[in-house]
Amino acid sequence: MDAERHGTLNWYSYHKCRCDLCRAAKKASHRSYYLAHRDEVLRLNRERVALDPAKKREQDRAYRLANLSAVREKNRDYERTHPAEANERSKRWRQRHPDWARAVVRKSRTGVDRQTYETFTLIQGGLCGICGEPMGEFPNADHDHQTGRARGLLCQLCNRGLGHFRDSPVLLRSAIRWLDI
């Protein structure tokens, strides 16, 4: 008698069988219910989110943290198959979060993370590490190109000047001698 019901939803519900047949029966049952009551299920989900959006965000965040690699892979797949939408979404994010967007670019180009950048800003008081003038809206993070070590923040002119001298102390000393003539 039990063998006849095995693999049916009734059997699964009462006996909590974990075999593939019973699990497939339960999944099929849930799917058929969802398809039959799709509008109602979606309405209830929207209402639940509207009642407590903070809880929904917390649940979503917990899911993403628990399934980080799967979520990242899914996002990469989406970006590969929908490049225009992905670019548009990225553009909107950069517009909404300009400071974070600059921090991401700065980290990738110079290796200076947001915390180090903010520490240099506080230590230097918003002034250039070379000329002592105010650095303006977007200070440049200076770093050693060979070791990757951050040296501090510079104004655009001083940062470009170091770049033109290829960060070479020998060339800079030569330029100082030249100016002293």
C-alpha atoms as a PDB file:
ATOM      1  CA  MET A   1       0.000   0.000   0.000  1.00  0.00           C
ATOM      2  CA  ASP A   2       2.764   2.447   0.910  1.00  0.00           C
ATOM      3  CA  ALA A   3       4.612   1.593  -2.273  1.00  0.00           C
ATOM      4  CA  GLU A   4       1.600   2.685  -4.361  1.00  0.00           C
ATOM      5  CA  ARG A   5       1.522   6.142  -2.785  1.00  0.00           C
ATOM      6  CA  HIS A   6       5.284   6.537  -2.780  1.00  0.00           C
ATOM      7  CA  GLY A   7       6.239   9.416  -5.048  1.00  0.00           C
ATOM      8  CA  THR A   8       2.933  11.248  -4.634  1.00  0.00           C
ATOM      9  CA  LEU A   9       2.452  14.534  -2.828  1.00  0.00           C
ATOM     10  CA  ASN A  10       0.250  12.883  -0.194  1.00  0.00           C
ATOM     11  CA  TRP A  11       2.990  10.442   0.704  1.00  0.00           C
ATOM     12  CA  TYR A  12       5.536  13.246   0.894  1.00  0.00           C
ATOM     13  CA  SER A  13       3.338  15.445   3.106  1.00  0.00           C
ATOM     14  CA  TYR A  14       2.571  12.783   5.684  1.00  0.00           C
ATOM     15  CA  HIS A  15       5.818  10.869   5.781  1.00  0.00           C
ATOM     16  CA  LYS A  16       8.328  13.630   4.836  1.00  0.00           C
ATOM     17  CA  CYS A  17      10.102  11.261   2.501  1.00  0.00           C
ATOM     18  CA  ARG A  18      13.242  12.810   0.980  1.00  0.00           C
ATOM     19  CA  CYS A  19      13.588  10.536  -2.024  1.00  0.00           C
ATOM     20  CA  ASP A  20      13.850  12.019  -5.523  1.00  0.00           C
ATOM     21  CA  LEU A  21      10.378  10.796  -6.523  1.00  0.00           C
ATOM     22  CA  CYS A  22       8.655  12.487  -3.589  1.00  0.00           C
ATOM     23  CA  ARG A  23      10.681  15.659  -3.924  1.00  0.00           C
ATOM     24  CA  ALA A  24       9.845  15.852  -7.636  1.00  0.00           C
ATOM     25  CA  ALA A  25       6.147  15.374  -6.796  1.00  0.00           C
ATOM     26  CA  LYS A  26       6.298  18.221  -4.291  1.00  0.00           C
ATOM     27  CA  LYS A  27       8.117  20.495  -6.735  1.00  0.00           C
ATOM     28  CA  ALA A  28       5.583  19.743  -9.478  1.00  0.00           C
ATOM     29  CA  SER A  29       2.741  20.464  -7.077  1.00  0.00           C
ATOM     30  CA  HIS A  30       4.231  23.798  -6.038  1.00  0.00           C
ATOM     31  CA  ARG A  31       4.830  24.729  -9.680  1.00  0.00           C
ATOM     32  CA  SER A  32       1.268  23.881 -10.726  1.00  0.00           C
ATOM     33  CA  TYR A  33      -0.111  25.900  -7.785  1.00  0.00           C
ATOM     34  CA  TYR A  34       2.069  28.877  -8.723  1.00  0.00           C
ATOM     35  CA  LEU A  35       0.989  28.740 -12.365  1.00  0.00           C
ATOM     36  CA  ALA A  36      -2.687  28.487 -11.378  1.00  0.00           C
ATOM     37  CA  HIS A  37      -2.461  31.322  -8.818  1.00  0.00           C
ATOM     38  CA  ARG A  38       0.371  33.407 -10.245  1.00  0.00           C
ATOM     39  CA  ASP A  39      -1.346  36.817  -9.963  1.00  0.00           C
ATOM     40  CA  GLU A  40      -2.367  36.202  -6.367  1.00  0.00           C
ATOM     41  CA  VAL A  41       1.107  34.977  -5.373  1.00  0.00           C
ATOM     42  CA  LEU A  42       2.761  38.008  -6.968  1.00  0.00           C
ATOM     43  CA  ARG A  43       0.248  40.382  -5.321  1.00  0.00           C
ATOM     44  CA  LEU A  44       0.904  38.856  -1.901  1.00  0.00           C
ATOM     45  CA  ASN A  45       4.662  39.137  -2.409  1.00  0.00           C
ATOM     46  CA  ARG A  46       4.311  42.809  -3.390  1.00  0.00           C
ATOM     47  CA  GLU A  47       2.181  43.475  -0.304  1.00  0.00           C
ATOM     48  CA  ARG A  48       4.675  41.690   1.925  1.00  0.00           C
ATOM     49  CA  VAL A  49       7.523  43.803   0.542  1.00  0.00           C
ATOM     50  CA  ALA A  50       5.487  47.007   0.871  1.00  0.00           C
ATOM     51  CA  LEU A  51       4.758  46.267   4.539  1.00  0.00           C
ATOM     52  CA  ASP A  52       8.405  45.886   5.520  1.00  0.00           C
ATOM     53  CA  PRO A  53      10.898  46.867   2.796  1.00  0.00           C
ATOM     54  CA  ALA A  54      13.781  46.850   5.297  1.00  0.00           C
ATOM     55  CA  LYS A  55      13.115  43.207   6.115  1.00  0.00           C
ATOM     56  CA  LYS A  56      12.985  42.364   2.401  1.00  0.00           C
ATOM     57  CA  ARG A  57      16.340  44.125   1.831  1.00  0.00           C
ATOM     58  CA  GLU A  58      17.804  42.247   4.779  1.00  0.00           C
ATOM     59  CA  GLN A  59      16.560  38.909   3.418  1.00  0.00           C
ATOM     60  CA  ASP A  60      17.903  39.709  -0.055  1.00  0.00           C
ATOM     61  CA  ARG A  61      21.279  40.683   1.393  1.00  0.00           C
ATOM     62  CA  ALA A  62      21.459  37.509   3.479  1.00  0.00           C
ATOM     63  CA  TYR A  63      20.661  35.435   0.379  1.00  0.00           C
ATOM     64  CA  ARG A  64      23.346  37.201  -1.685  1.00  0.00           C
ATOM     65  CA  LEU A  65      25.943  36.683   1.049  1.00  0.00           C
ATOM     66  CA  ALA A  66      25.032  33.014   1.454  1.00  0.00           C
ATOM     67  CA  ASN A  67      25.116  32.397  -2.316  1.00  0.00           C
ATOM     68  CA  LEU A  68      27.801  34.879  -3.350  1.00  0.00           C
ATOM     69  CA  SER A  69      29.503  32.851  -6.068  1.00  0.00           C
ATOM     70  CA  ALA A  70      26.184  31.803  -7.643  1.00  0.00           C
ATOM     71  CA  VAL A  71      24.896  35.388  -7.612  1.00  0.00           C
ATOM     72  CA  ARG A  72      28.121  36.698  -9.162  1.00  0.00           C
ATOM     73  CA  GLU A  73      28.043  34.048 -11.874  1.00  0.00           C
ATOM     74  CA  LYS A  74      24.410  34.851 -12.627  1.00  0.00           C
ATOM     75  CA  ASN A  75      25.264  38.564 -12.879  1.00  0.00           C
ATOM     76  CA  ARG A  76      28.210  37.841 -15.202  1.00  0.00           C
ATOM     77  CA  ASP A  77      25.991  35.702 -17.433  1.00  0.00           C
ATOM     78  CA  TYR A  78      23.405  38.468 -17.596  1.00  0.00           C
ATOM     79  CA  GLU A  79      26.049  41.077 -18.456  1.00  0.00           C
ATOM     80  CA  ARG A  80      27.389  38.846 -21.242  1.00  0.00           C
ATOM     81  CA  THR A  81      23.956  38.263 -22.764  1.00  0.00           C
ATOM     82  CA  HIS A  82      22.592  41.808 -22.203  1.00  0.00           C
ATOM     83  CA  PRO A  83      25.560  44.211 -22.577  1.00  0.00           C
ATOM     84  CA  ALA A  84      23.467  47.309 -23.367  1.00  0.00           C
ATOM     85  CA  GLU A  85      21.258  46.905 -20.279  1.00  0.00           C
ATOM     86  CA  ALA A  86      24.286  46.118 -18.099  1.00  0.00           C
ATOM     87  CA  ASN A  87      26.091  49.250 -19.334  1.00  0.00           C
ATOM     88  CA  GLU A  88      23.010  51.371 -18.708  1.00  0.00           C
ATOM     89  CA  ARG A  89      22.611  49.961 -15.181  1.00  0.00           C
ATOM     90  CA  SER A  90      26.305  50.586 -14.488  1.00  0.00           C
ATOM     91  CA  LYS A  91      25.998  54.152 -15.777  1.00  0.00           C
ATOM     92  CA  ARG A  92      22.990  54.835 -13.526  1.00  0.00           C
ATOM     93  CA  TRP A  93      24.870  53.409 -10.509  1.00  0.00           C
ATOM     94  CA  ARG A  94      27.886  55.647 -11.210  1.00  0.00           C
ATOM     95  CA  GLN A  95      25.598  58.690 -11.439  1.00  0.00           C
ATOM     96  CA  ARG A  96      23.922  57.832  -8.122  1.00  0.00           C
ATOM     97  CA  HIS A  97      27.208  56.995  -6.342  1.00  0.00           C
ATOM     98  CA  PRO A  98      29.924  59.267  -7.811  1.00  0.00           C
ATOM     99  CA  ASP A  99      32.226  59.007  -4.777  1.00  0.00           C
ATOM    100  CA  TRP A 100      32.131  55.210  -4.773  1.00  0.00           C
ATOM    101  CA  ALA A 101      32.592  55.095  -8.551  1.00  0.00           C
ATOM    102  CA  ARG A 102      35.718  57.264  -8.280  1.00  0.00           C
ATOM    103  CA  ALA A 103      36.962  55.080  -5.411  1.00  0.00           C
ATOM    104  CA  VAL A 104      36.578  51.936  -7.542  1.00  0.00           C
ATOM    105  CA  VAL A 105      38.487  53.496 -10.439  1.00  0.00           C
ATOM    106  CA  ARG A 106      41.161  54.879  -8.089  1.00  0.00           C
ATOM    107  CA  LYS A 107      41.622  51.460  -6.475  1.00  0.00           C
ATOM    108  CA  SER A 108      41.995  49.747  -9.852  1.00  0.00           C
ATOM    109  CA  ARG A 109      44.423  52.364 -11.246  1.00  0.00           C
ATOM    110  CA  THR A 110      46.573  53.231  -8.235  1.00  0.00           C
ATOM    111  CA  GLY A 111      45.843  50.541  -5.643  1.00  0.00           C
ATOM    112  CA  VAL A 112      44.754  53.218  -3.122  1.00  0.00           C
ATOM    113  CA  ASP A 113      41.569  52.125  -1.388  1.00  0.00           C
ATOM    114  CA  ARG A 114      38.873  54.432  -0.034  1.00  0.00           C
ATOM    115  CA  GLN A 115      40.048  54.245   3.583  1.00  0.00           C
ATOM    116  CA  THR A 116      43.659  55.132   2.697  1.00  0.00           C
ATOM    117  CA  TYR A 117      42.421  57.979   0.500  1.00  0.00           C
ATOM    118  CA  GLU A 118      40.283  59.427   3.313  1.00  0.00           C
ATOM    119  CA  THR A 119      43.184  59.058   5.770  1.00  0.00           C
ATOM    120  CA  PHE A 120      45.485  61.032   3.442  1.00  0.00           C
ATOM    121  CA  THR A 121      42.782  63.696   3.036  1.00  0.00           C
ATOM    122  CA  LEU A 122      42.555  64.130   6.817  1.00  0.00           C
ATOM    123  CA  ILE A 123      46.331  64.094   7.383  1.00  0.00           C
ATOM    124  CA  GLN A 124      47.076  66.571   4.578  1.00  0.00           C
ATOM    125  CA  GLY A 125      44.094  68.808   5.411  1.00  0.00           C
ATOM    126  CA  GLY A 126      42.999  69.000   1.772  1.00  0.00           C
ATOM    127  CA  LEU A 127      46.340  70.444   0.670  1.00  0.00           C
ATOM    128  CA  CYS A 128      48.713  69.110  -1.991  1.00  0.00           C
ATOM    129  CA  GLY A 129      51.620  67.081  -0.606  1.00  0.00           C
ATOM    130  CA  ILE A 130      54.138  68.967  -2.802  1.00  0.00           C
ATOM    131  CA  CYS A 131      53.016  72.570  -3.338  1.00  0.00           C
ATOM    132  CA  GLY A 132      50.739  72.922  -0.285  1.00  0.00           C
ATOM    133  CA  GLU A 133      47.922  74.473  -2.338  1.00  0.00           C
ATOM    134  CA  PRO A 134      44.293  73.286  -2.038  1.00  0.00           C
ATOM    135  CA  MET A 135      43.838  70.234  -4.253  1.00  0.00           C
ATOM    136  CA  GLY A 136      40.410  71.054  -5.623  1.00  0.00           C
ATOM    137  CA  GLU A 137      37.463  68.718  -5.962  1.00  0.00           C
ATOM    138  CA  PHE A 138      39.311  65.594  -7.142  1.00  0.00           C
ATOM    139  CA  PRO A 139      42.758  65.114  -5.571  1.00  0.00           C
ATOM    140  CA  ASN A 140      45.087  62.628  -7.253  1.00  0.00           C
ATOM    141  CA  ALA A 141      46.385  59.645  -5.301  1.00  0.00           C
ATOM    142  CA  ASP A 142      50.140  59.436  -5.821  1.00  0.00           C
ATOM    143  CA  HIS A 143      51.798  56.018  -5.614  1.00  0.00           C
ATOM    144  CA  ASP A 144      55.119  54.394  -6.398  1.00  0.00           C
ATOM    145  CA  HIS A 145      54.718  52.621  -9.732  1.00  0.00           C
ATOM    146  CA  GLN A 146      57.294  49.958  -8.903  1.00  0.00           C
ATOM    147  CA  THR A 147      56.235  49.009  -5.365  1.00  0.00           C
ATOM    148  CA  GLY A 148      52.593  50.146  -5.535  1.00  0.00           C
ATOM    149  CA  ARG A 149      52.967  51.949  -2.169  1.00  0.00           C
ATOM    150  CA  ALA A 150      50.739  55.000  -1.720  1.00  0.00           C
ATOM    151  CA  ARG A 151      52.648  58.210  -1.014  1.00  0.00           C
ATOM    152  CA  GLY A 152      49.859  60.740  -0.534  1.00  0.00           C
ATOM    153  CA  LEU A 153      47.540  63.084  -2.395  1.00  0.00           C
ATOM    154  CA  LEU A 154      48.617  65.688  -4.940  1.00  0.00           C
ATOM    155  CA  CYS A 155      46.960  68.418  -6.959  1.00  0.00           C
ATOM    156  CA  GLN A 156      46.626  67.749 -10.678  1.00  0.00           C
ATOM    157  CA  LEU A 157      49.558  69.966 -11.666  1.00  0.00           C
ATOM    158  CA  CYS A 158      52.028  68.362  -9.235  1.00  0.00           C
ATOM    159  CA  ASN A 159      50.831  64.867 -10.107  1.00  0.00           C
ATOM    160  CA  ARG A 160      51.291  65.567 -13.814  1.00  0.00           C
ATOM    161  CA  GLY A 161      54.697  67.110 -13.127  1.00  0.00           C
ATOM    162  CA  LEU A 162      55.872  63.947 -11.378  1.00  0.00           C
ATOM    163  CA  GLY A 163      54.489  61.926 -14.262  1.00  0.00           C
ATOM    164  CA  HIS A 164      56.376  63.996 -16.811  1.00  0.00           C
ATOM    165  CA  PHE A 165      59.577  63.389 -14.851  1.00  0.00           C
ATOM    166  CA  ARG A 166      58.684  59.656 -14.785  1.00  0.00           C
ATOM    167  CA  ASP A 167      58.864  59.617 -10.947  1.00  0.00           C
ATOM    168  CA  SER A 168      62.656  59.808 -11.276  1.00  0.00           C
ATOM    169  CA  PRO A 169      64.524  61.558  -8.410  1.00  0.00           C
ATOM    170  CA  VAL A 170      67.533  61.920 -10.738  1.00  0.00           C
ATOM    171  CA  LEU A 171      65.488  63.843 -13.318  1.00  0.00           C
ATOM    172  CA  LEU A 172      63.887  65.985 -10.618  1.00  0.00           C
ATOM    173  CA  ARG A 173      67.294  66.894  -9.126  1.00  0.00           C
ATOM    174  CA  SER A 174      68.500  67.749 -12.622  1.00  0.00           C
ATOM    175  CA  ALA A 175      65.461  69.999 -13.100  1.00  0.00           C
ATOM    176  CA  ILE A 176      66.198  71.735  -9.771  1.00  0.00           C
ATOM    177  CA  ARG A 177      69.786  72.366 -10.875  1.00  0.00           C
ATOM    178  CA  TRP A 178      68.460  73.710 -14.167  1.00  0.00           C
ATOM    179  CA  LEU A 179      66.105  76.117 -12.373  1.00  0.00           C
ATOM    180  CA  ASP A 180      68.955  77.335 -10.125  1.00  0.00           C
ATOM    181  CA  ILE A 181      71.032  78.466 -13.156  1.00  0.00           C
END
